[in-house]
Amino acid sequence: MNNAPRFRPPAPDGIALDAHVCCNYPGDGFARMTAAEWMNLPSSFKGTWLESIPSSAHRVRVAIVEGGSLLPVYLVDAARVEPEQRHA
């Protein structure tokens, strides 16, 4: 087992970072799908990315959807998890 600390990318100035939290919320341009649809996507078509908003940084699900676009994903049947708002 590797005891090396996990790499955590630096947060932009003044932004709190919790890279372990994967948020689930709707937004403009988000793909909407069920958890079952997400689970059935090939692993090479889905993942997470770091999303930054003015007062926090967090992870969101992303998927390659019909048409070949990479979009953030909102799971409509999963618990809604909003990014935590932190102030510097």
PDB file of N, CA and C in Angstrom:
ATOM      1  N   MET A   1       0.837  -1.181   0.000  1.00  0.00           N
ATOM      2  CA  MET A   1       0.000   0.000   0.000  1.00  0.00           C
ATOM      3  C   MET A   1       0.881   1.243   0.000  1.00  0.00           C
ATOM      4  N   ASN A   2       0.514   2.206  -0.792  1.00  0.00           N
ATOM      5  CA  ASN A   2       1.278   3.434  -0.915  1.00  0.00           C
ATOM      6  C   ASN A   2       0.796   4.437   0.134  1.00  0.00           C
ATOM      7  N   ASN A   3       1.697   4.883   0.995  1.00  0.00           N
ATOM      8  CA  ASN A   3       1.323   5.835   2.044  1.00  0.00           C
ATOM      9  C   ASN A   3       1.593   7.274   1.657  1.00  0.00           C
ATOM     10  N   ALA A   4       1.904   7.508   0.391  1.00  0.00           N
ATOM     11  CA  ALA A   4       2.150   8.876  -0.066  1.00  0.00           C
ATOM     12  C   ALA A   4       0.854   9.673   0.005  1.00  0.00           C
ATOM     13  N   PRO A   5       0.942  10.945   0.374  1.00  0.00           N
ATOM     14  CA  PRO A   5      -0.274  11.746   0.433  1.00  0.00           C
ATOM     15  C   PRO A   5      -0.881  11.911  -0.957  1.00  0.00           C
ATOM     16  N   ARG A   6      -2.211  12.001  -1.007  1.00  0.00           N
ATOM     17  CA  ARG A   6      -2.897  12.212  -2.272  1.00  0.00           C
ATOM     18  C   ARG A   6      -2.588  13.600  -2.804  1.00  0.00           C
ATOM     19  N   PHE A   7      -2.429  13.692  -4.102  1.00  0.00           N
ATOM     20  CA  PHE A   7      -2.220  14.992  -4.728  1.00  0.00           C
ATOM     21  C   PHE A   7      -3.515  15.786  -4.669  1.00  0.00           C
ATOM     22  N   ARG A   8      -3.430  17.025  -4.229  1.00  0.00           N
ATOM     23  CA  ARG A   8      -4.572  17.939  -4.232  1.00  0.00           C
ATOM     24  C   ARG A   8      -4.150  19.172  -4.999  1.00  0.00           C
ATOM     25  N   PRO A   9      -4.821  19.461  -6.110  1.00  0.00           N
ATOM     26  CA  PRO A   9      -4.433  20.631  -6.891  1.00  0.00           C
ATOM     27  C   PRO A   9      -4.615  21.902  -6.082  1.00  0.00           C
ATOM     28  N   PRO A  10      -3.784  22.897  -6.304  1.00  0.00           N
ATOM     29  CA  PRO A  10      -3.945  24.149  -5.559  1.00  0.00           C
ATOM     30  C   PRO A  10      -5.236  24.845  -5.955  1.00  0.00           C
ATOM     31  N   ALA A  11      -5.881  25.455  -4.987  1.00  0.00           N
ATOM     32  CA  ALA A  11      -7.104  26.203  -5.251  1.00  0.00           C
ATOM     33  C   ALA A  11      -6.750  27.582  -5.781  1.00  0.00           C
ATOM     34  N   PRO A  12      -7.564  28.111  -6.672  1.00  0.00           N
ATOM     35  CA  PRO A  12      -7.351  29.498  -7.093  1.00  0.00           C
ATOM     36  C   PRO A  12      -7.376  30.426  -5.875  1.00  0.00           C
ATOM     37  N   ASP A  13      -6.716  31.558  -5.955  1.00  0.00           N
ATOM     38  CA  ASP A  13      -6.637  32.482  -4.824  1.00  0.00           C
ATOM     39  C   ASP A  13      -8.017  32.797  -4.264  1.00  0.00           C
ATOM     40  N   GLY A  14      -8.148  32.688  -2.946  1.00  0.00           N
ATOM     41  CA  GLY A  14      -9.381  33.066  -2.263  1.00  0.00           C
ATOM     42  C   GLY A  14     -10.495  32.051  -2.367  1.00  0.00           C
ATOM     43  N   ILE A  15     -10.242  30.869  -2.915  1.00  0.00           N
ATOM     44  CA  ILE A  15     -11.297  29.868  -3.069  1.00  0.00           C
ATOM     45  C   ILE A  15     -10.962  28.668  -2.201  1.00  0.00           C
ATOM     46  N   ALA A  16     -11.935  28.222  -1.420  1.00  0.00           N
ATOM     47  CA  ALA A  16     -11.757  27.023  -0.615  1.00  0.00           C
ATOM     48  C   ALA A  16     -11.930  25.820  -1.524  1.00  0.00           C
ATOM     49  N   LEU A  17     -11.140  24.775  -1.289  1.00  0.00           N
ATOM     50  CA  LEU A  17     -11.182  23.603  -2.151  1.00  0.00           C
ATOM     51  C   LEU A  17     -11.508  22.371  -1.334  1.00  0.00           C
ATOM     52  N   ASP A  18     -12.533  21.644  -1.740  1.00  0.00           N
ATOM     53  CA  ASP A  18     -12.801  20.340  -1.165  1.00  0.00           C
ATOM     54  C   ASP A  18     -12.956  19.376  -2.330  1.00  0.00           C
ATOM     55  N   ALA A  19     -11.837  18.874  -2.821  1.00  0.00           N
ATOM     56  CA  ALA A  19     -11.830  18.044  -4.022  1.00  0.00           C
ATOM     57  C   ALA A  19     -12.435  16.672  -3.788  1.00  0.00           C
ATOM     58  N   HIS A  20     -12.737  16.326  -2.528  1.00  0.00           N
ATOM     59  CA  HIS A  20     -13.322  15.019  -2.252  1.00  0.00           C
ATOM     60  C   HIS A  20     -14.838  15.041  -2.366  1.00  0.00           C
ATOM     61  N   VAL A  21     -15.443  16.199  -2.405  1.00  0.00           N
ATOM     62  CA  VAL A  21     -16.900  16.304  -2.477  1.00  0.00           C
ATOM     63  C   VAL A  21     -17.328  16.320  -3.942  1.00  0.00           C
ATOM     64  N   CYS A  22     -18.170  15.363  -4.318  1.00  0.00           N
ATOM     65  CA  CYS A  22     -18.734  15.359  -5.669  1.00  0.00           C
ATOM     66  C   CYS A  22     -20.162  15.875  -5.550  1.00  0.00           C
ATOM     67  N   CYS A  23     -20.392  17.063  -6.050  1.00  0.00           N
ATOM     68  CA  CYS A  23     -21.695  17.701  -5.920  1.00  0.00           C
ATOM     69  C   CYS A  23     -22.644  17.212  -7.007  1.00  0.00           C
ATOM     70  N   ASN A  24     -23.941  17.355  -6.747  1.00  0.00           N
ATOM     71  CA  ASN A  24     -24.987  16.954  -7.685  1.00  0.00           C
ATOM     72  C   ASN A  24     -26.073  18.013  -7.636  1.00  0.00           C
ATOM     73  N   TYR A  25     -26.075  18.885  -8.630  1.00  0.00           N
ATOM     74  CA  TYR A  25     -27.059  19.965  -8.692  1.00  0.00           C
ATOM     75  C   TYR A  25     -27.327  20.292 -10.157  1.00  0.00           C
ATOM     76  N   PRO A  26     -28.508  20.794 -10.489  1.00  0.00           N
ATOM     77  CA  PRO A  26     -28.796  21.148 -11.878  1.00  0.00           C
ATOM     78  C   PRO A  26     -28.141  22.475 -12.237  1.00  0.00           C
ATOM     79  N   GLY A  27     -27.887  22.665 -13.498  1.00  0.00           N
ATOM     80  CA  GLY A  27     -27.300  23.919 -13.951  1.00  0.00           C
ATOM     81  C   GLY A  27     -27.477  24.084 -15.446  1.00  0.00           C
ATOM     82  N   ASP A  28     -27.255  25.283 -15.927  1.00  0.00           N
ATOM     83  CA  ASP A  28     -27.336  25.550 -17.360  1.00  0.00           C
ATOM     84  C   ASP A  28     -26.307  24.699 -18.085  1.00  0.00           C
ATOM     85  N   GLY A  29     -26.748  23.984 -19.098  1.00  0.00           N
ATOM     86  CA  GLY A  29     -25.841  23.169 -19.888  1.00  0.00           C
ATOM     87  C   GLY A  29     -25.527  21.811 -19.295  1.00  0.00           C
ATOM     88  N   PHE A  30     -26.136  21.466 -18.164  1.00  0.00           N
ATOM     89  CA  PHE A  30     -25.905  20.159 -17.559  1.00  0.00           C
ATOM     90  C   PHE A  30     -26.744  19.103 -18.272  1.00  0.00           C
ATOM     91  N   ALA A  31     -26.173  17.920 -18.479  1.00  0.00           N
ATOM     92  CA  ALA A  31     -26.943  16.774 -18.957  1.00  0.00           C
ATOM     93  C   ALA A  31     -27.725  16.241 -17.763  1.00  0.00           C
ATOM     94  N   ARG A  32     -28.949  15.810 -18.006  1.00  0.00           N
ATOM     95  CA  ARG A  32     -29.782  15.235 -16.949  1.00  0.00           C
ATOM     96  C   ARG A  32     -29.943  13.751 -17.233  1.00  0.00           C
ATOM     97  N   MET A  33     -29.640  12.918 -16.242  1.00  0.00           N
ATOM     98  CA  MET A  33     -29.803  11.478 -16.402  1.00  0.00           C
ATOM     99  C   MET A  33     -30.043  10.842 -15.049  1.00  0.00           C
ATOM    100  N   THR A  34     -30.520   9.598 -15.070  1.00  0.00           N
ATOM    101  CA  THR A  34     -30.737   8.862 -13.830  1.00  0.00           C
ATOM    102  C   THR A  34     -29.426   8.212 -13.396  1.00  0.00           C
ATOM    103  N   ALA A  35     -29.384   7.779 -12.149  1.00  0.00           N
ATOM    104  CA  ALA A  35     -28.201   7.091 -11.645  1.00  0.00           C
ATOM    105  C   ALA A  35     -27.961   5.801 -12.433  1.00  0.00           C
ATOM    106  N   ALA A  36     -29.028   5.120 -12.837  1.00  0.00           N
ATOM    107  CA  ALA A  36     -28.889   3.886 -13.621  1.00  0.00           C
ATOM    108  C   ALA A  36     -28.260   4.189 -14.982  1.00  0.00           C
ATOM    109  N   GLU A  37     -28.692   5.272 -15.622  1.00  0.00           N
ATOM    110  CA  GLU A  37     -28.098   5.658 -16.905  1.00  0.00           C
ATOM    111  C   GLU A  37     -26.606   5.974 -16.730  1.00  0.00           C
ATOM    112  N   TRP A  38     -26.277   6.667 -15.638  1.00  0.00           N
ATOM    113  CA  TRP A  38     -24.875   6.988 -15.339  1.00  0.00           C
ATOM    114  C   TRP A  38     -24.060   5.711 -15.169  1.00  0.00           C
ATOM    115  N   MET A  39     -24.591   4.770 -14.397  1.00  0.00           N
ATOM    116  CA  MET A  39     -23.872   3.530 -14.129  1.00  0.00           C
ATOM    117  C   MET A  39     -23.668   2.712 -15.405  1.00  0.00           C
ATOM    118  N   ASN A  40     -24.584   2.815 -16.364  1.00  0.00           N
ATOM    119  CA  ASN A  40     -24.484   2.043 -17.603  1.00  0.00           C
ATOM    120  C   ASN A  40     -23.570   2.670 -18.650  1.00  0.00           C
ATOM    121  N   LEU A  41     -23.114   3.894 -18.408  1.00  0.00           N
ATOM    122  CA  LEU A  41     -22.175   4.504 -19.342  1.00  0.00           C
ATOM    123  C   LEU A  41     -20.829   3.791 -19.248  1.00  0.00           C
ATOM    124  N   PRO A  42     -20.148   3.593 -20.370  1.00  0.00           N
ATOM    125  CA  PRO A  42     -18.796   3.026 -20.303  1.00  0.00           C
ATOM    126  C   PRO A  42     -17.885   3.949 -19.485  1.00  0.00           C
ATOM    127  N   SER A  43     -16.938   3.376 -18.766  1.00  0.00           N
ATOM    128  CA  SER A  43     -16.067   4.193 -17.911  1.00  0.00           C
ATOM    129  C   SER A  43     -15.276   5.222 -18.714  1.00  0.00           C
ATOM    130  N   SER A  44     -15.022   4.940 -19.976  1.00  0.00           N
ATOM    131  CA  SER A  44     -14.283   5.900 -20.807  1.00  0.00           C
ATOM    132  C   SER A  44     -15.150   7.074 -21.254  1.00  0.00           C
ATOM    133  N   PHE A  45     -16.455   7.029 -20.954  1.00  0.00           N
ATOM    134  CA  PHE A  45     -17.382   8.107 -21.322  1.00  0.00           C
ATOM    135  C   PHE A  45     -17.798   8.955 -20.128  1.00  0.00           C
ATOM    136  N   LYS A  46     -17.270   8.675 -18.929  1.00  0.00           N
ATOM    137  CA  LYS A  46     -17.695   9.425 -17.747  1.00  0.00           C
ATOM    138  C   LYS A  46     -16.523   9.656 -16.810  1.00  0.00           C
ATOM    139  N   GLY A  47     -16.695  10.645 -15.924  1.00  0.00           N
ATOM    140  CA  GLY A  47     -15.664  10.961 -14.942  1.00  0.00           C
ATOM    141  C   GLY A  47     -16.099  12.146 -14.104  1.00  0.00           C
ATOM    142  N   THR A  48     -15.120  12.844 -13.528  1.00  0.00           N
ATOM    143  CA  THR A  48     -15.404  14.053 -12.757  1.00  0.00           C
ATOM    144  C   THR A  48     -14.418  15.125 -13.176  1.00  0.00           C
ATOM    145  N   TRP A  49     -14.803  16.365 -12.928  1.00  0.00           N
ATOM    146  CA  TRP A  49     -13.862  17.467 -13.133  1.00  0.00           C
ATOM    147  C   TRP A  49     -14.038  18.467 -12.016  1.00  0.00           C
ATOM    148  N   LEU A  50     -13.048  19.326 -11.875  1.00  0.00           N
ATOM    149  CA  LEU A  50     -13.061  20.349 -10.839  1.00  0.00           C
ATOM    150  C   LEU A  50     -13.797  21.559 -11.373  1.00  0.00           C
ATOM    151  N   GLU A  51     -14.840  21.954 -10.686  1.00  0.00           N
ATOM    152  CA  GLU A  51     -15.666  23.105 -11.058  1.00  0.00           C
ATOM    153  C   GLU A  51     -15.364  24.225 -10.068  1.00  0.00           C
ATOM    154  N   SER A  52     -15.150  25.415 -10.565  1.00  0.00           N
ATOM    155  CA  SER A  52     -14.881  26.565  -9.694  1.00  0.00           C
ATOM    156  C   SER A  52     -16.008  27.569  -9.825  1.00  0.00           C
ATOM    157  N   ILE A  53     -16.487  28.022  -8.693  1.00  0.00           N
ATOM    158  CA  ILE A  53     -17.451  29.119  -8.631  1.00  0.00           C
ATOM    159  C   ILE A  53     -16.826  30.178  -7.742  1.00  0.00           C
ATOM    160  N   PRO A  54     -17.387  31.369  -7.671  1.00  0.00           N
ATOM    161  CA  PRO A  54     -16.695  32.446  -6.954  1.00  0.00           C
ATOM    162  C   PRO A  54     -16.223  32.126  -5.539  1.00  0.00           C
ATOM    163  N   SER A  55     -16.931  31.268  -4.800  1.00  0.00           N
ATOM    164  CA  SER A  55     -16.509  31.069  -3.407  1.00  0.00           C
ATOM    165  C   SER A  55     -16.141  29.632  -3.058  1.00  0.00           C
ATOM    166  N   SER A  56     -16.081  28.728  -4.022  1.00  0.00           N
ATOM    167  CA  SER A  56     -15.654  27.365  -3.706  1.00  0.00           C
ATOM    168  C   SER A  56     -15.220  26.637  -4.971  1.00  0.00           C
ATOM    169  N   ALA A  57     -14.569  25.516  -4.765  1.00  0.00           N
ATOM    170  CA  ALA A  57     -14.224  24.614  -5.854  1.00  0.00           C
ATOM    171  C   ALA A  57     -14.657  23.227  -5.417  1.00  0.00           C
ATOM    172  N   HIS A  58     -15.182  22.457  -6.335  1.00  0.00           N
ATOM    173  CA  HIS A  58     -15.716  21.140  -6.010  1.00  0.00           C
ATOM    174  C   HIS A  58     -15.720  20.290  -7.272  1.00  0.00           C
ATOM    175  N   ARG A  59     -15.991  19.009  -7.117  1.00  0.00           N
ATOM    176  CA  ARG A  59     -16.063  18.117  -8.258  1.00  0.00           C
ATOM    177  C   ARG A  59     -17.511  17.958  -8.714  1.00  0.00           C
ATOM    178  N   VAL A  60     -17.697  17.777 -10.015  1.00  0.00           N
ATOM    179  CA  VAL A  60     -18.998  17.429 -10.594  1.00  0.00           C
ATOM    180  C   VAL A  60     -18.776  16.262 -11.552  1.00  0.00           C
ATOM    181  N   ARG A  61     -19.820  15.473 -11.743  1.00  0.00           N
ATOM    182  CA  ARG A  61     -19.765  14.400 -12.733  1.00  0.00           C
ATOM    183  C   ARG A  61     -19.785  15.005 -14.129  1.00  0.00           C
ATOM    184  N   VAL A  62     -19.098  14.355 -15.057  1.00  0.00           N
ATOM    185  CA  VAL A  62     -19.125  14.747 -16.463  1.00  0.00           C
ATOM    186  C   VAL A  62     -19.290  13.492 -17.307  1.00  0.00           C
ATOM    187  N   ALA A  63     -19.886  13.665 -18.486  1.00  0.00           N
ATOM    188  CA  ALA A  63     -20.066  12.533 -19.391  1.00  0.00           C
ATOM    189  C   ALA A  63     -20.013  13.017 -20.827  1.00  0.00           C
ATOM    190  N   ILE A  64     -19.569  12.130 -21.701  1.00  0.00           N
ATOM    191  CA  ILE A  64     -19.668  12.379 -23.129  1.00  0.00           C
ATOM    192  C   ILE A  64     -21.057  11.921 -23.528  1.00  0.00           C
ATOM    193  N   VAL A  65     -21.853  12.842 -24.041  1.00  0.00           N
ATOM    194  CA  VAL A  65     -23.250  12.560 -24.370  1.00  0.00           C
ATOM    195  C   VAL A  65     -23.433  12.485 -25.880  1.00  0.00           C
ATOM    196  N   GLU A  66     -24.648  12.170 -26.288  1.00  0.00           N
ATOM    197  CA  GLU A  66     -24.967  12.069 -27.712  1.00  0.00           C
ATOM    198  C   GLU A  66     -24.495  13.326 -28.438  1.00  0.00           C
ATOM    199  N   GLY A  67     -23.830  13.144 -29.540  1.00  0.00           N
ATOM    200  CA  GLY A  67     -23.270  14.269 -30.273  1.00  0.00           C
ATOM    201  C   GLY A  67     -21.805  14.496 -29.950  1.00  0.00           C
ATOM    202  N   GLY A  68     -21.276  13.789 -28.940  1.00  0.00           N
ATOM    203  CA  GLY A  68     -19.859  13.876 -28.617  1.00  0.00           C
ATOM    204  C   GLY A  68     -19.455  15.002 -27.689  1.00  0.00           C
ATOM    205  N   SER A  69     -20.424  15.692 -27.092  1.00  0.00           N
ATOM    206  CA  SER A  69     -20.100  16.792 -26.176  1.00  0.00           C
ATOM    207  C   SER A  69     -19.793  16.265 -24.783  1.00  0.00           C
ATOM    208  N   LEU A  70     -18.811  16.872 -24.125  1.00  0.00           N
ATOM    209  CA  LEU A  70     -18.507  16.583 -22.730  1.00  0.00           C
ATOM    210  C   LEU A  70     -19.253  17.594 -21.881  1.00  0.00           C
ATOM    211  N   LEU A  71     -20.200  17.105 -21.067  1.00  0.00           N
ATOM    212  CA  LEU A  71     -21.047  17.999 -20.264  1.00  0.00           C
ATOM    213  C   LEU A  71     -21.035  17.595 -18.803  1.00  0.00           C
ATOM    214  N   PRO A  72     -21.227  18.573 -17.892  1.00  0.00           N
ATOM    215  CA  PRO A  72     -21.467  18.220 -16.499  1.00  0.00           C
ATOM    216  C   PRO A  72     -22.803  17.491 -16.402  1.00  0.00           C
ATOM    217  N   VAL A  73     -22.948  16.632 -15.400  1.00  0.00           N
ATOM    218  CA  VAL A  73     -24.130  15.773 -15.274  1.00  0.00           C
ATOM    219  C   VAL A  73     -24.846  16.043 -13.953  1.00  0.00           C
ATOM    220  N   TYR A  74     -26.173  16.125 -14.040  1.00  0.00           N
ATOM    221  CA  TYR A  74     -27.041  16.173 -12.862  1.00  0.00           C
ATOM    222  C   TYR A  74     -27.818  14.873 -12.820  1.00  0.00           C
ATOM    223  N   LEU A  75     -27.661  14.101 -11.736  1.00  0.00           N
ATOM    224  CA  LEU A  75     -28.419  12.864 -11.572  1.00  0.00           C
ATOM    225  C   LEU A  75     -29.766  13.211 -10.955  1.00  0.00           C
ATOM    226  N   VAL A  76     -30.829  13.041 -11.747  1.00  0.00           N
ATOM    227  CA  VAL A  76     -32.157  13.514 -11.339  1.00  0.00           C
ATOM    228  C   VAL A  76     -32.748  12.711 -10.190  1.00  0.00           C
ATOM    229  N   ASP A  77     -32.326  11.467 -10.006  1.00  0.00           N
ATOM    230  CA  ASP A  77     -32.896  10.641  -8.950  1.00  0.00           C
ATOM    231  C   ASP A  77     -31.941  10.429  -7.773  1.00  0.00           C
ATOM    232  N   ALA A  78     -30.880  11.195  -7.721  1.00  0.00           N
ATOM    233  CA  ALA A  78     -29.925  11.114  -6.608  1.00  0.00           C
ATOM    234  C   ALA A  78     -30.091  12.342  -5.710  1.00  0.00           C
ATOM    235  N   ALA A  79     -29.574  12.239  -4.511  1.00  0.00           N
ATOM    236  CA  ALA A  79     -29.658  13.359  -3.571  1.00  0.00           C
ATOM    237  C   ALA A  79     -28.956  14.581  -4.159  1.00  0.00           C
ATOM    238  N   ARG A  80     -29.577  15.721  -3.959  1.00  0.00           N
ATOM    239  CA  ARG A  80     -28.981  16.974  -4.427  1.00  0.00           C
ATOM    240  C   ARG A  80     -27.889  17.389  -3.443  1.00  0.00           C
ATOM    241  N   VAL A  81     -26.711  17.673  -3.965  1.00  0.00           N
ATOM    242  CA  VAL A  81     -25.581  18.097  -3.136  1.00  0.00           C
ATOM    243  C   VAL A  81     -25.061  19.405  -3.720  1.00  0.00           C
ATOM    244  N   GLU A  82     -25.316  20.492  -3.004  1.00  0.00           N
ATOM    245  CA  GLU A  82     -24.880  21.820  -3.448  1.00  0.00           C
ATOM    246  C   GLU A  82     -23.431  22.045  -3.032  1.00  0.00           C
ATOM    247  N   PRO A  83     -22.696  22.806  -3.822  1.00  0.00           N
ATOM    248  CA  PRO A  83     -21.329  23.163  -3.391  1.00  0.00           C
ATOM    249  C   PRO A  83     -21.379  23.998  -2.122  1.00  0.00           C
ATOM    250  N   GLU A  84     -20.463  23.708  -1.225  1.00  0.00           N
ATOM    251  CA  GLU A  84     -20.405  24.458   0.035  1.00  0.00           C
ATOM    252  C   GLU A  84     -19.860  25.856  -0.252  1.00  0.00           C
ATOM    253  N   GLN A  85     -20.535  26.862   0.245  1.00  0.00           N
ATOM    254  CA  GLN A  85     -20.100  28.236   0.066  1.00  0.00           C
ATOM    255  C   GLN A  85     -19.172  28.612   1.212  1.00  0.00           C
ATOM    256  N   ARG A  86     -17.949  28.927   0.867  1.00  0.00           N
ATOM    257  CA  ARG A  86     -16.958  29.343   1.867  1.00  0.00           C
ATOM    258  C   ARG A  86     -16.412  30.697   1.477  1.00  0.00           C
ATOM    259  N   HIS A  87     -16.063  31.458   2.449  1.00  0.00           N
ATOM    260  CA  HIS A  87     -15.524  32.788   2.182  1.00  0.00           C
ATOM    261  C   HIS A  87     -14.097  32.867   2.710  1.00  0.00           C
ATOM    262  N   ALA A  88     -13.240  33.459   1.933  1.00  0.00           N
ATOM    263  CA  ALA A  88     -11.825  33.575   2.316  1.00  0.00           C
ATOM    264  C   ALA A  88     -11.650  34.522   3.474  1.00  0.00           C
TER     265      ALA A  88
END
